C-alpha cells in the first residue's frame, strides 16, 4: 500500500475511534496500541523473542498462582473477581496508583472502569 492510502486508512480509524463513546470505552478491559511492524522485520527468518516452551511455562506458572489464590473462593479466573477481591489481592503501590490516576484522567474513565482496573 502506498503511504497515501495508509494515511487515509489511519484517518478513517481515528475518526471511527472518536465516535465511540467514553462509557463504551470504559467497559473495554484492555486498550493496546500496536505499532506498525516493518515488512523486512516481519518476513525475516531470524528467530527473535521467547520460545513457545518458555511462554508455556510462564502461562502454567500464572495459572498455578490463580489456582492457589482461588483455593478458598468459588472462582476459576481473575476475570471472575469482584472489585473487592481485586483490591484485596492486587494492592497497588503509590507509583502504580499514580499511573492509574493518570490513565483515568487522560482517558476519561468512569468509576465503573476504575472498579475494573
PDB file of N, CA and C in Angstrom:
ATOM      1  N   UNK A   1       0.833  -1.179   0.000  1.00  0.00           N
ATOM      2  CA  UNK A   1       0.000   0.000   0.000  1.00  0.00           C
ATOM      3  C   UNK A   1       0.876   1.240   0.000  1.00  0.00           C
ATOM      4  N   UNK A   2       0.384   2.232  -0.626  1.00  0.00           N
ATOM      5  CA  UNK A   2       1.149   3.470  -0.651  1.00  0.00           C
ATOM      6  C   UNK A   2       0.959   4.221   0.656  1.00  0.00           C
ATOM      7  N   UNK A   3       1.860   5.136   0.904  1.00  0.00           N
ATOM      8  CA  UNK A   3       1.780   5.952   2.126  1.00  0.00           C
ATOM      9  C   UNK A   3       0.495   6.763   2.140  1.00  0.00           C
ATOM     10  N   UNK A   4       0.050   7.190   0.986  1.00  0.00           N
ATOM     11  CA  UNK A   4      -1.179   7.990   0.886  1.00  0.00           C
ATOM     12  C   UNK A   4      -2.398   7.177   1.341  1.00  0.00           C
ATOM     13  N   UNK A   5      -2.467   5.929   0.905  1.00  0.00           N
ATOM     14  CA  UNK A   5      -3.588   5.069   1.296  1.00  0.00           C
ATOM     15  C   UNK A   5      -3.514   4.766   2.786  1.00  0.00           C
ATOM     16  N   UNK A   6      -2.304   4.496   3.282  1.00  0.00           N
ATOM     17  CA  UNK A   6      -2.145   4.226   4.711  1.00  0.00           C
ATOM     18  C   UNK A   6      -2.557   5.430   5.552  1.00  0.00           C
ATOM     19  N   UNK A   7      -2.193   6.622   5.092  1.00  0.00           N
ATOM     20  CA  UNK A   7      -2.594   7.832   5.813  1.00  0.00           C
ATOM     21  C   UNK A   7      -4.105   7.974   5.827  1.00  0.00           C
ATOM     22  N   UNK A   8      -4.739   7.686   4.695  1.00  0.00           N
ATOM     23  CA  UNK A   8      -6.200   7.764   4.613  1.00  0.00           C
ATOM     24  C   UNK A   8      -6.827   6.749   5.573  1.00  0.00           C
ATOM     25  N   UNK A   9      -6.304   5.512   5.593  1.00  0.00           N
ATOM     26  CA  UNK A   9      -6.834   4.483   6.482  1.00  0.00           C
ATOM     27  C   UNK A   9      -6.675   4.893   7.949  1.00  0.00           C
ATOM     28  N   UNK A  10      -5.526   5.461   8.275  1.00  0.00           N
ATOM     29  CA  UNK A  10      -5.284   5.892   9.639  1.00  0.00           C
ATOM     30  C   UNK A  10      -6.297   6.957  10.048  1.00  0.00           C
ATOM     31  N   UNK A  11      -6.562   7.910   9.169  1.00  0.00           N
ATOM     32  CA  UNK A  11      -7.557   8.953   9.459  1.00  0.00           C
ATOM     33  C   UNK A  11      -8.939   8.348   9.649  1.00  0.00           C
ATOM     34  N   UNK A  12      -9.294   7.346   8.832  1.00  0.00           N
ATOM     35  CA  UNK A  12     -10.596   6.688   8.966  1.00  0.00           C
ATOM     36  C   UNK A  12     -10.719   5.983  10.314  1.00  0.00           C
ATOM     37  N   UNK A  13      -9.661   5.310  10.717  1.00  0.00           N
ATOM     38  CA  UNK A  13      -9.663   4.614  12.008  1.00  0.00           C
ATOM     39  C   UNK A  13      -9.801   5.608  13.148  1.00  0.00           C
ATOM     40  N   UNK A  14      -9.051   6.706  13.097  1.00  0.00           N
ATOM     41  CA  UNK A  14      -9.136   7.725  14.139  1.00  0.00           C
ATOM     42  C   UNK A  14     -10.532   8.342  14.200  1.00  0.00           C
ATOM     43  N   UNK A  15     -11.135   8.612  13.041  1.00  0.00           N
ATOM     44  CA  UNK A  15     -12.497   9.158  13.017  1.00  0.00           C
ATOM     45  C   UNK A  15     -13.475   8.194  13.664  1.00  0.00           C
ATOM     46  N   UNK A  16     -13.334   6.910  13.385  1.00  0.00           N
ATOM     47  CA  UNK A  16     -14.210   5.900  13.972  1.00  0.00           C
ATOM     48  C   UNK A  16     -14.015   5.834  15.482  1.00  0.00           C
ATOM     49  N   UNK A  17     -12.762   5.826  15.930  1.00  0.00           N
ATOM     50  CA  UNK A  17     -12.478   5.747  17.362  1.00  0.00           C
ATOM     51  C   UNK A  17     -13.044   6.940  18.114  1.00  0.00           C
ATOM     52  N   UNK A  18     -13.062   8.107  17.489  1.00  0.00           N
ATOM     53  CA  UNK A  18     -13.589   9.293  18.153  1.00  0.00           C
ATOM     54  C   UNK A  18     -15.099   9.217  18.327  1.00  0.00           C
ATOM     55  N   UNK A  19     -15.778   8.396  17.524  1.00  0.00           N
ATOM     56  CA  UNK A  19     -17.227   8.262  17.637  1.00  0.00           C
ATOM     57  C   UNK A  19     -17.642   7.277  18.724  1.00  0.00           C
ATOM     58  N   UNK A  20     -16.699   6.464  19.203  1.00  0.00           N
ATOM     59  CA  UNK A  20     -17.027   5.508  20.251  1.00  0.00           C
ATOM     60  C   UNK A  20     -17.160   6.276  21.554  1.00  0.00           C
ATOM     61  N   UNK A  21     -18.237   6.067  22.253  1.00  0.00           N
ATOM     62  CA  UNK A  21     -18.500   6.837  23.472  1.00  0.00           C
ATOM     63  C   UNK A  21     -17.562   6.439  24.600  1.00  0.00           C
ATOM     64  N   UNK A  22     -17.314   7.388  25.499  1.00  0.00           N
ATOM     65  CA  UNK A  22     -16.446   7.126  26.650  1.00  0.00           C
ATOM     66  C   UNK A  22     -16.978   6.003  27.532  1.00  0.00           C
ATOM     67  N   UNK A  23     -18.309   5.946  27.808  1.00  0.00           N
ATOM     68  CA  UNK A  23     -18.796   4.830  28.627  1.00  0.00           C
ATOM     69  C   UNK A  23     -18.537   3.467  27.989  1.00  0.00           C
ATOM     70  N   UNK A  24     -18.643   3.387  26.669  1.00  0.00           N
ATOM     71  CA  UNK A  24     -18.358   2.121  25.998  1.00  0.00           C
ATOM     72  C   UNK A  24     -16.876   1.784  26.127  1.00  0.00           C
ATOM     73  N   UNK A  25     -16.027   2.766  25.884  1.00  0.00           N
ATOM     74  CA  UNK A  25     -14.589   2.534  26.011  1.00  0.00           C
ATOM     75  C   UNK A  25     -14.213   2.143  27.433  1.00  0.00           C
ATOM     76  N   UNK A  26     -14.928   2.677  28.422  1.00  0.00           N
ATOM     77  CA  UNK A  26     -14.639   2.355  29.819  1.00  0.00           C
ATOM     78  C   UNK A  26     -14.913   0.890  30.120  1.00  0.00           C
ATOM     79  N   UNK A  27     -15.741   0.255  29.330  1.00  0.00           N
ATOM     80  CA  UNK A  27     -16.075  -1.146  29.564  1.00  0.00           C
ATOM     81  C   UNK A  27     -15.157  -2.103  28.807  1.00  0.00           C
ATOM     82  N   UNK A  28     -14.263  -1.571  28.020  1.00  0.00           N
ATOM     83  CA  UNK A  28     -13.280  -2.391  27.328  1.00  0.00           C
ATOM     84  C   UNK A  28     -12.096  -2.546  28.280  1.00  0.00           C
ATOM     85  N   UNK A  29     -11.797  -3.774  28.635  1.00  0.00           N
ATOM     86  CA  UNK A  29     -10.795  -4.034  29.670  1.00  0.00           C
ATOM     87  C   UNK A  29      -9.368  -3.684  29.258  1.00  0.00           C
ATOM     88  N   UNK A  30      -9.045  -3.874  28.002  1.00  0.00           N
ATOM     89  CA  UNK A  30      -7.659  -3.678  27.577  1.00  0.00           C
ATOM     90  C   UNK A  30      -7.619  -2.732  26.385  1.00  0.00           C
ATOM     91  N   UNK A  31      -6.787  -1.718  26.486  1.00  0.00           N
ATOM     92  CA  UNK A  31      -6.549  -0.805  25.375  1.00  0.00           C
ATOM     93  C   UNK A  31      -5.085  -0.975  24.982  1.00  0.00           C
ATOM     94  N   UNK A  32      -4.833  -1.403  23.767  1.00  0.00           N
ATOM     95  CA  UNK A  32      -3.465  -1.652  23.336  1.00  0.00           C
ATOM     96  C   UNK A  32      -3.235  -0.960  22.001  1.00  0.00           C
ATOM     97  N   UNK A  33      -2.195  -0.161  21.957  1.00  0.00           N
ATOM     98  CA  UNK A  33      -1.789   0.420  20.688  1.00  0.00           C
ATOM     99  C   UNK A  33      -0.644  -0.423  20.154  1.00  0.00           C
ATOM    100  N   UNK A  34      -0.791  -0.895  18.954  1.00  0.00           N
ATOM    101  CA  UNK A  34       0.205  -1.777  18.359  1.00  0.00           C
ATOM    102  C   UNK A  34       0.921  -1.006  17.253  1.00  0.00           C
ATOM    103  N   UNK A  35       2.230  -0.854  17.386  1.00  0.00           N
ATOM    104  CA  UNK A  35       2.971  -0.119  16.350  1.00  0.00           C
ATOM    105  C   UNK A  35       3.059  -0.933  15.065  1.00  0.00           C
ATOM    106  N   UNK A  36       3.223  -0.221  13.973  1.00  0.00           N
ATOM    107  CA  UNK A  36       3.410  -0.896  12.693  1.00  0.00           C
ATOM    108  C   UNK A  36       4.713  -1.689  12.717  1.00  0.00           C
ATOM    109  N   UNK A  37       4.710  -2.837  12.082  1.00  0.00           N
ATOM    110  CA  UNK A  37       5.906  -3.670  12.002  1.00  0.00           C
ATOM    111  C   UNK A  37       6.495  -3.518  10.603  1.00  0.00           C
ATOM    112  N   UNK A  38       7.788  -3.295  10.571  1.00  0.00           N
ATOM    113  CA  UNK A  38       8.490  -3.164   9.300  1.00  0.00           C
ATOM    114  C   UNK A  38       8.376  -4.475   8.518  1.00  0.00           C
ATOM    115  N   UNK A  39       8.101  -4.400   7.231  1.00  0.00           N
ATOM    116  CA  UNK A  39       7.916  -5.585   6.402  1.00  0.00           C
ATOM    117  C   UNK A  39       9.129  -6.501   6.460  1.00  0.00           C
ATOM    118  N   UNK A  40      10.329  -5.929   6.402  1.00  0.00           N
ATOM    119  CA  UNK A  40      11.550  -6.746   6.439  1.00  0.00           C
ATOM    120  C   UNK A  40      11.659  -7.502   7.762  1.00  0.00           C
ATOM    121  N   UNK A  41      11.286  -6.841   8.847  1.00  0.00           N
ATOM    122  CA  UNK A  41      11.330  -7.493  10.154  1.00  0.00           C
ATOM    123  C   UNK A  41      10.286  -8.609  10.227  1.00  0.00           C
ATOM    124  N   UNK A  42       9.132  -8.369   9.654  1.00  0.00           N
ATOM    125  CA  UNK A  42       8.041  -9.336   9.679  1.00  0.00           C
ATOM    126  C   UNK A  42       8.370 -10.582   8.865  1.00  0.00           C
ATOM    127  N   UNK A  43       9.058 -10.401   7.761  1.00  0.00           N
ATOM    128  CA  UNK A  43       9.347 -11.520   6.867  1.00  0.00           C
ATOM    129  C   UNK A  43      10.739 -12.119   7.077  1.00  0.00           C
ATOM    130  N   UNK A  44      11.459 -11.629   8.067  1.00  0.00           N
ATOM    131  CA  UNK A  44      12.801 -12.119   8.346  1.00  0.00           C
ATOM    132  C   UNK A  44      12.753 -13.551   8.866  1.00  0.00           C
ATOM    133  N   UNK A  45      13.777 -14.319   8.536  1.00  0.00           N
ATOM    134  CA  UNK A  45      13.897 -15.690   9.027  1.00  0.00           C
ATOM    135  C   UNK A  45      14.559 -15.752  10.400  1.00  0.00           C
ATOM    136  N   UNK A  46      15.038 -14.600  10.883  1.00  0.00           N
ATOM    137  CA  UNK A  46      15.710 -14.579  12.182  1.00  0.00           C
ATOM    138  C   UNK A  46      14.684 -14.833  13.286  1.00  0.00           C
ATOM    139  N   UNK A  47      15.038 -15.715  14.203  1.00  0.00           N
ATOM    140  CA  UNK A  47      14.155 -16.024  15.328  1.00  0.00           C
ATOM    141  C   UNK A  47      14.418 -15.039  16.454  1.00  0.00           C
ATOM    142  N   UNK A  48      13.390 -14.338  16.859  1.00  0.00           N
ATOM    143  CA  UNK A  48      13.520 -13.399  17.968  1.00  0.00           C
ATOM    144  C   UNK A  48      12.402 -13.670  18.963  1.00  0.00           C
ATOM    145  N   UNK A  49      12.575 -13.192  20.156  1.00  0.00           N
ATOM    146  CA  UNK A  49      11.540 -13.369  21.163  1.00  0.00           C
ATOM    147  C   UNK A  49      11.695 -14.689  21.898  1.00  0.00           C
ATOM    148  N   UNK A  50      10.732 -14.931  22.778  1.00  0.00           N
ATOM    149  CA  UNK A  50      10.782 -16.134  23.593  1.00  0.00           C
ATOM    150  C   UNK A  50      10.195 -17.323  22.846  1.00  0.00           C
ATOM    151  N   UNK A  51      10.693 -18.483  23.157  1.00  0.00           N
ATOM    152  CA  UNK A  51      10.188 -19.698  22.529  1.00  0.00           C
ATOM    153  C   UNK A  51       8.827 -20.051  23.117  1.00  0.00           C
ATOM    154  N   UNK A  52       8.086 -20.879  22.411  1.00  0.00           N
ATOM    155  CA  UNK A  52       6.778 -21.335  22.892  1.00  0.00           C
ATOM    156  C   UNK A  52       6.916 -22.084  24.209  1.00  0.00           C
ATOM    157  N   UNK A  53       8.001 -22.799  24.380  1.00  0.00           N
ATOM    158  CA  UNK A  53       8.231 -23.552  25.621  1.00  0.00           C
ATOM    159  C   UNK A  53       8.339 -22.603  26.806  1.00  0.00           C
ATOM    160  N   UNK A  54       9.090 -21.531  26.651  1.00  0.00           N
ATOM    161  CA  UNK A  54       9.260 -20.552  27.730  1.00  0.00           C
ATOM    162  C   UNK A  54       7.921 -19.886  28.040  1.00  0.00           C
ATOM    163  N   UNK A  55       7.196 -19.489  27.016  1.00  0.00           N
ATOM    164  CA  UNK A  55       5.898 -18.845  27.215  1.00  0.00           C
ATOM    165  C   UNK A  55       4.924 -19.814  27.875  1.00  0.00           C
ATOM    166  N   UNK A  56       4.942 -21.072  27.448  1.00  0.00           N
ATOM    167  CA  UNK A  56       4.065 -22.090  28.042  1.00  0.00           C
ATOM    168  C   UNK A  56       4.339 -22.228  29.535  1.00  0.00           C
ATOM    169  N   UNK A  57       5.623 -22.220  29.936  1.00  0.00           N
ATOM    170  CA  UNK A  57       5.978 -22.308  31.353  1.00  0.00           C
ATOM    171  C   UNK A  57       5.460 -21.097  32.133  1.00  0.00           C
ATOM    172  N   UNK A  58       5.573 -19.926  31.546  1.00  0.00           N
ATOM    173  CA  UNK A  58       5.084 -18.707  32.211  1.00  0.00           C
ATOM    174  C   UNK A  58       3.573 -18.754  32.400  1.00  0.00           C
ATOM    175  N   UNK A  59       2.853 -19.203  31.383  1.00  0.00           N
ATOM    176  CA  UNK A  59       1.395 -19.307  31.473  1.00  0.00           C
ATOM    177  C   UNK A  59       1.012 -20.334  32.528  1.00  0.00           C
ATOM    178  N   UNK A  60       1.694 -21.465  32.550  1.00  0.00           N
ATOM    179  CA  UNK A  60       1.402 -22.501  33.543  1.00  0.00           C
ATOM    180  C   UNK A  60       1.661 -21.974  34.957  1.00  0.00           C
ATOM    181  N   UNK A  61       2.722 -21.205  35.137  1.00  0.00           N
ATOM    182  CA  UNK A  61       3.026 -20.635  36.459  1.00  0.00           C
ATOM    183  C   UNK A  61       1.946 -19.637  36.869  1.00  0.00           C
ATOM    184  N   UNK A  62       1.490 -18.810  35.937  1.00  0.00           N
ATOM    185  CA  UNK A  62       0.429 -17.840  36.235  1.00  0.00           C
ATOM    186  C   UNK A  62      -0.869 -18.551  36.597  1.00  0.00           C
ATOM    187  N   UNK A  63      -1.177 -19.617  35.890  1.00  0.00           N
ATOM    188  CA  UNK A  63      -2.394 -20.380  36.200  1.00  0.00           C
ATOM    189  C   UNK A  63      -2.309 -21.032  37.574  1.00  0.00           C
ATOM    190  N   UNK A  64      -1.137 -21.491  37.948  1.00  0.00           N
ATOM    191  CA  UNK A  64      -0.965 -22.084  39.276  1.00  0.00           C
ATOM    192  C   UNK A  64      -1.171 -21.029  40.368  1.00  0.00           C
ATOM    193  N   UNK A  65      -0.703 -19.809  40.117  1.00  0.00           N
ATOM    194  CA  UNK A  65      -0.930 -18.712  41.065  1.00  0.00           C
ATOM    195  C   UNK A  65      -2.433 -18.479  41.226  1.00  0.00           C
ATOM    196  N   UNK A  66      -3.172 -18.513  40.114  1.00  0.00           N
ATOM    197  CA  UNK A  66      -4.629 -18.357  40.188  1.00  0.00           C
ATOM    198  C   UNK A  66      -5.263 -19.480  41.004  1.00  0.00           C
ATOM    199  N   UNK A  67      -4.841 -20.702  40.765  1.00  0.00           N
ATOM    200  CA  UNK A  67      -5.404 -21.844  41.497  1.00  0.00           C
ATOM    201  C   UNK A  67      -5.194 -21.642  42.993  1.00  0.00           C
ATOM    202  N   UNK A  68      -3.992 -21.237  43.393  1.00  0.00           N
ATOM    203  CA  UNK A  68      -3.705 -21.006  44.814  1.00  0.00           C
ATOM    204  C   UNK A  68      -4.520 -19.838  45.352  1.00  0.00           C
ATOM    205  N   UNK A  69      -4.648 -18.765  44.582  1.00  0.00           N
ATOM    206  CA  UNK A  69      -5.391 -17.582  45.010  1.00  0.00           C
ATOM    207  C   UNK A  69      -6.853 -17.912  45.258  1.00  0.00           C
ATOM    208  N   UNK A  70      -7.433 -18.738  44.408  1.00  0.00           N
ATOM    209  CA  UNK A  70      -8.864 -19.008  44.471  1.00  0.00           C
ATOM    210  C   UNK A  70      -9.193 -20.327  45.173  1.00  0.00           C
ATOM    211  N   UNK A  71      -8.220 -20.878  45.882  1.00  0.00           N
ATOM    212  CA  UNK A  71      -8.427 -22.167  46.554  1.00  0.00           C
ATOM    213  C   UNK A  71      -9.653 -22.136  47.468  1.00  0.00           C
ATOM    214  N   UNK A  72      -9.847 -21.038  48.195  1.00  0.00           N
ATOM    215  CA  UNK A  72     -10.971 -20.962  49.131  1.00  0.00           C
ATOM    216  C   UNK A  72     -12.177 -20.230  48.553  1.00  0.00           C
ATOM    217  N   UNK A  73     -12.054 -19.708  47.357  1.00  0.00           N
ATOM    218  CA  UNK A  73     -13.166 -18.984  46.723  1.00  0.00           C
ATOM    219  C   UNK A  73     -13.786 -19.860  45.633  1.00  0.00           C
ATOM    220  N   UNK A  74     -14.957 -19.500  45.225  1.00  0.00           N
ATOM    221  CA  UNK A  74     -15.635 -20.245  44.160  1.00  0.00           C
ATOM    222  C   UNK A  74     -15.351 -19.588  42.814  1.00  0.00           C
ATOM    223  N   UNK A  75     -14.071 -19.398  42.522  1.00  0.00           N
ATOM    224  CA  UNK A  75     -13.653 -18.731  41.285  1.00  0.00           C
ATOM    225  C   UNK A  75     -12.623 -19.591  40.563  1.00  0.00           C
ATOM    226  N   UNK A  76     -12.505 -19.325  39.269  1.00  0.00           N
ATOM    227  CA  UNK A  76     -11.501 -20.027  38.475  1.00  0.00           C
ATOM    228  C   UNK A  76     -10.506 -19.046  37.859  1.00  0.00           C
ATOM    229  N   UNK A  77     -11.000 -17.888  37.413  1.00  0.00           N
ATOM    230  CA  UNK A  77     -10.131 -16.935  36.712  1.00  0.00           C
ATOM    231  C   UNK A  77     -10.150 -15.564  37.372  1.00  0.00           C
ATOM    232  N   UNK A  78      -9.134 -14.765  37.076  1.00  0.00           N
ATOM    233  CA  UNK A  78      -9.075 -13.389  37.564  1.00  0.00           C
ATOM    234  C   UNK A  78     -10.278 -12.586  37.090  1.00  0.00           C
ATOM    235  N   UNK A  79     -10.760 -12.862  35.885  1.00  0.00           N
ATOM    236  CA  UNK A  79     -11.876 -12.104  35.315  1.00  0.00           C
ATOM    237  C   UNK A  79     -13.147 -12.228  36.145  1.00  0.00           C
ATOM    238  N   UNK A  80     -13.262 -13.283  36.913  1.00  0.00           N
ATOM    239  CA  UNK A  80     -14.459 -13.503  37.729  1.00  0.00           C
ATOM    240  C   UNK A  80     -14.384 -12.794  39.079  1.00  0.00           C
ATOM    241  N   UNK A  81     -13.266 -12.145  39.377  1.00  0.00           N
ATOM    242  CA  UNK A  81     -13.092 -11.485  40.665  1.00  0.00           C
ATOM    243  C   UNK A  81     -13.978 -10.248  40.777  1.00  0.00           C
ATOM    244  N   UNK A  82     -14.473 -10.006  41.980  1.00  0.00           N
ATOM    245  CA  UNK A  82     -15.223  -8.779  42.247  1.00  0.00           C
ATOM    246  C   UNK A  82     -14.227  -7.643  42.461  1.00  0.00           C
ATOM    247  N   UNK A  83     -14.733  -6.402  42.477  1.00  0.00           N
ATOM    248  CA  UNK A  83     -13.854  -5.253  42.717  1.00  0.00           C
ATOM    249  C   UNK A  83     -13.185  -5.381  44.087  1.00  0.00           C
ATOM    250  N   UNK A  84     -13.929  -5.857  45.095  1.00  0.00           N
ATOM    251  CA  UNK A  84     -13.371  -6.029  46.429  1.00  0.00           C
ATOM    252  C   UNK A  84     -12.222  -7.042  46.418  1.00  0.00           C
ATOM    253  N   UNK A  85     -12.424  -8.161  45.724  1.00  0.00           N
ATOM    254  CA  UNK A  85     -11.384  -9.187  45.659  1.00  0.00           C
ATOM    255  C   UNK A  85     -10.144  -8.674  44.927  1.00  0.00           C
ATOM    256  N   UNK A  86     -10.351  -7.877  43.894  1.00  0.00           N
ATOM    257  CA  UNK A  86      -9.206  -7.302  43.177  1.00  0.00           C
ATOM    258  C   UNK A  86      -8.414  -6.399  44.108  1.00  0.00           C
ATOM    259  N   UNK A  87      -9.120  -5.534  44.855  1.00  0.00           N
ATOM    260  CA  UNK A  87      -8.428  -4.635  45.792  1.00  0.00           C
ATOM    261  C   UNK A  87      -7.657  -5.421  46.855  1.00  0.00           C
ATOM    262  N   UNK A  88      -8.219  -6.534  47.315  1.00  0.00           N
ATOM    263  CA  UNK A  88      -7.545  -7.332  48.337  1.00  0.00           C
ATOM    264  C   UNK A  88      -6.325  -8.064  47.790  1.00  0.00           C
ATOM    265  N   UNK A  89      -6.452  -8.639  46.609  1.00  0.00           N
ATOM    266  CA  UNK A  89      -5.378  -9.473  46.040  1.00  0.00           C
ATOM    267  C   UNK A  89      -4.328  -8.683  45.269  1.00  0.00           C
ATOM    268  N   UNK A  90      -4.711  -7.527  44.770  1.00  0.00           N
ATOM    269  CA  UNK A  90      -3.824  -6.778  43.863  1.00  0.00           C
ATOM    270  C   UNK A  90      -3.641  -5.360  44.381  1.00  0.00           C
ATOM    271  N   UNK A  91      -3.036  -5.234  45.525  1.00  0.00           N
ATOM    272  CA  UNK A  91      -2.852  -3.918  46.112  1.00  0.00           C
ATOM    273  C   UNK A  91      -1.798  -3.149  45.328  1.00  0.00           C
ATOM    274  N   UNK A  92      -2.118  -1.893  45.055  1.00  0.00           N
ATOM    275  CA  UNK A  92      -1.239  -1.037  44.264  1.00  0.00           C
ATOM    276  C   UNK A  92      -0.350  -0.202  45.163  1.00  0.00           C
ATOM    277  N   UNK A  93       0.920  -0.048  44.757  1.00  0.00           N
ATOM    278  CA  UNK A  93       1.790   0.864  45.489  1.00  0.00           C
ATOM    279  C   UNK A  93       1.528   2.284  44.975  1.00  0.00           C
ATOM    280  N   UNK A  94       2.189   3.262  45.565  1.00  0.00           N
ATOM    281  CA  UNK A  94       1.948   4.663  45.217  1.00  0.00           C
ATOM    282  C   UNK A  94       2.232   4.941  43.741  1.00  0.00           C
ATOM    283  N   UNK A  95       3.299   4.341  43.209  1.00  0.00           N
ATOM    284  CA  UNK A  95       3.649   4.571  41.811  1.00  0.00           C
ATOM    285  C   UNK A  95       2.558   4.040  40.876  1.00  0.00           C
ATOM    286  N   UNK A  96       2.065   2.838  41.152  1.00  0.00           N
ATOM    287  CA  UNK A  96       1.006   2.255  40.329  1.00  0.00           C
ATOM    288  C   UNK A  96      -0.280   3.057  40.421  1.00  0.00           C
ATOM    289  N   UNK A  97      -0.606   3.529  41.632  1.00  0.00           N
ATOM    290  CA  UNK A  97      -1.797   4.367  41.787  1.00  0.00           C
ATOM    291  C   UNK A  97      -1.665   5.649  40.963  1.00  0.00           C
ATOM    292  N   UNK A  98      -0.455   6.183  40.913  1.00  0.00           N
ATOM    293  CA  UNK A  98      -0.213   7.380  40.095  1.00  0.00           C
ATOM    294  C   UNK A  98      -0.440   7.102  38.619  1.00  0.00           C
ATOM    295  N   UNK A  99       0.036   5.952  38.132  1.00  0.00           N
ATOM    296  CA  UNK A  99      -0.197   5.573  36.735  1.00  0.00           C
ATOM    297  C   UNK A  99      -1.687   5.417  36.451  1.00  0.00           C
ATOM    298  N   UNK A 100      -2.387   4.770  37.380  1.00  0.00           N
ATOM    299  CA  UNK A 100      -3.824   4.565  37.208  1.00  0.00           C
ATOM    300  C   UNK A 100      -4.560   5.900  37.189  1.00  0.00           C
ATOM    301  N   UNK A 101      -4.204   6.795  38.101  1.00  0.00           N
ATOM    302  CA  UNK A 101      -4.839   8.112  38.139  1.00  0.00           C
ATOM    303  C   UNK A 101      -4.594   8.858  36.833  1.00  0.00           C
ATOM    304  N   UNK A 102      -3.360   8.821  36.359  1.00  0.00           N
ATOM    305  CA  UNK A 102      -3.017   9.492  35.104  1.00  0.00           C
ATOM    306  C   UNK A 102      -3.821   8.911  33.938  1.00  0.00           C
ATOM    307  N   UNK A 103      -3.916   7.582  33.874  1.00  0.00           N
ATOM    308  CA  UNK A 103      -4.664   6.935  32.793  1.00  0.00           C
ATOM    309  C   UNK A 103      -6.141   7.312  32.853  1.00  0.00           C
ATOM    310  N   UNK A 104      -6.694   7.344  34.061  1.00  0.00           N
ATOM    311  CA  UNK A 104      -8.117   7.685  34.193  1.00  0.00           C
ATOM    312  C   UNK A 104      -8.378   9.114  33.754  1.00  0.00           C
ATOM    313  N   UNK A 105      -7.462  10.028  34.090  1.00  0.00           N
ATOM    314  CA  UNK A 105      -7.639  11.425  33.699  1.00  0.00           C
ATOM    315  C   UNK A 105      -7.475  11.594  32.196  1.00  0.00           C
ATOM    316  N   UNK A 106      -6.485  10.924  31.619  1.00  0.00           N
ATOM    317  CA  UNK A 106      -6.220  11.066  30.190  1.00  0.00           C
ATOM    318  C   UNK A 106      -7.292  10.413  29.333  1.00  0.00           C
ATOM    319  N   UNK A 107      -7.848   9.286  29.802  1.00  0.00           N
ATOM    320  CA  UNK A 107      -8.819   8.538  29.006  1.00  0.00           C
ATOM    321  C   UNK A 107     -10.260   8.767  29.458  1.00  0.00           C
ATOM    322  N   UNK A 108     -10.446   9.648  30.445  1.00  0.00           N
ATOM    323  CA  UNK A 108     -11.779   9.965  30.958  1.00  0.00           C
ATOM    324  C   UNK A 108     -12.550   8.718  31.372  1.00  0.00           C
ATOM    325  N   UNK A 109     -11.891   7.829  32.097  1.00  0.00           N
ATOM    326  CA  UNK A 109     -12.544   6.613  32.559  1.00  0.00           C
ATOM    327  C   UNK A 109     -13.591   6.942  33.612  1.00  0.00           C
ATOM    328  N   UNK A 110     -14.619   6.165  33.646  1.00  0.00           N
ATOM    329  CA  UNK A 110     -15.682   6.309  34.632  1.00  0.00           C
ATOM    330  C   UNK A 110     -15.304   5.559  35.906  1.00  0.00           C
ATOM    331  N   UNK A 111     -16.157   5.697  36.937  1.00  0.00           N
ATOM    332  CA  UNK A 111     -15.953   4.937  38.174  1.00  0.00           C
ATOM    333  C   UNK A 111     -16.047   3.444  37.904  1.00  0.00           C
ATOM    334  N   UNK A 112     -16.898   3.059  36.951  1.00  0.00           N
ATOM    335  CA  UNK A 112     -17.019   1.656  36.572  1.00  0.00           C
ATOM    336  C   UNK A 112     -15.672   1.121  36.074  1.00  0.00           C
ATOM    337  N   UNK A 113     -15.002   1.904  35.252  1.00  0.00           N
ATOM    338  CA  UNK A 113     -13.705   1.481  34.731  1.00  0.00           C
ATOM    339  C   UNK A 113     -12.686   1.370  35.863  1.00  0.00           C
ATOM    340  N   UNK A 114     -12.768   2.272  36.840  1.00  0.00           N
ATOM    341  CA  UNK A 114     -11.844   2.202  37.974  1.00  0.00           C
ATOM    342  C   UNK A 114     -12.028   0.889  38.724  1.00  0.00           C
ATOM    343  N   UNK A 115     -13.261   0.485  38.917  1.00  0.00           N
ATOM    344  CA  UNK A 115     -13.508  -0.778  39.609  1.00  0.00           C
ATOM    345  C   UNK A 115     -13.013  -1.974  38.811  1.00  0.00           C
ATOM    346  N   UNK A 116     -12.931  -1.829  37.491  1.00  0.00           N
ATOM    347  CA  UNK A 116     -12.423  -2.923  36.655  1.00  0.00           C
ATOM    348  C   UNK A 116     -10.907  -2.952  36.652  1.00  0.00           C
ATOM    349  N   UNK A 117     -10.282  -1.852  37.002  1.00  0.00           N
ATOM    350  CA  UNK A 117      -8.823  -1.804  36.914  1.00  0.00           C
ATOM    351  C   UNK A 117      -8.178  -2.403  38.120  1.00  0.00           C
TER     352      UNK A 117
END
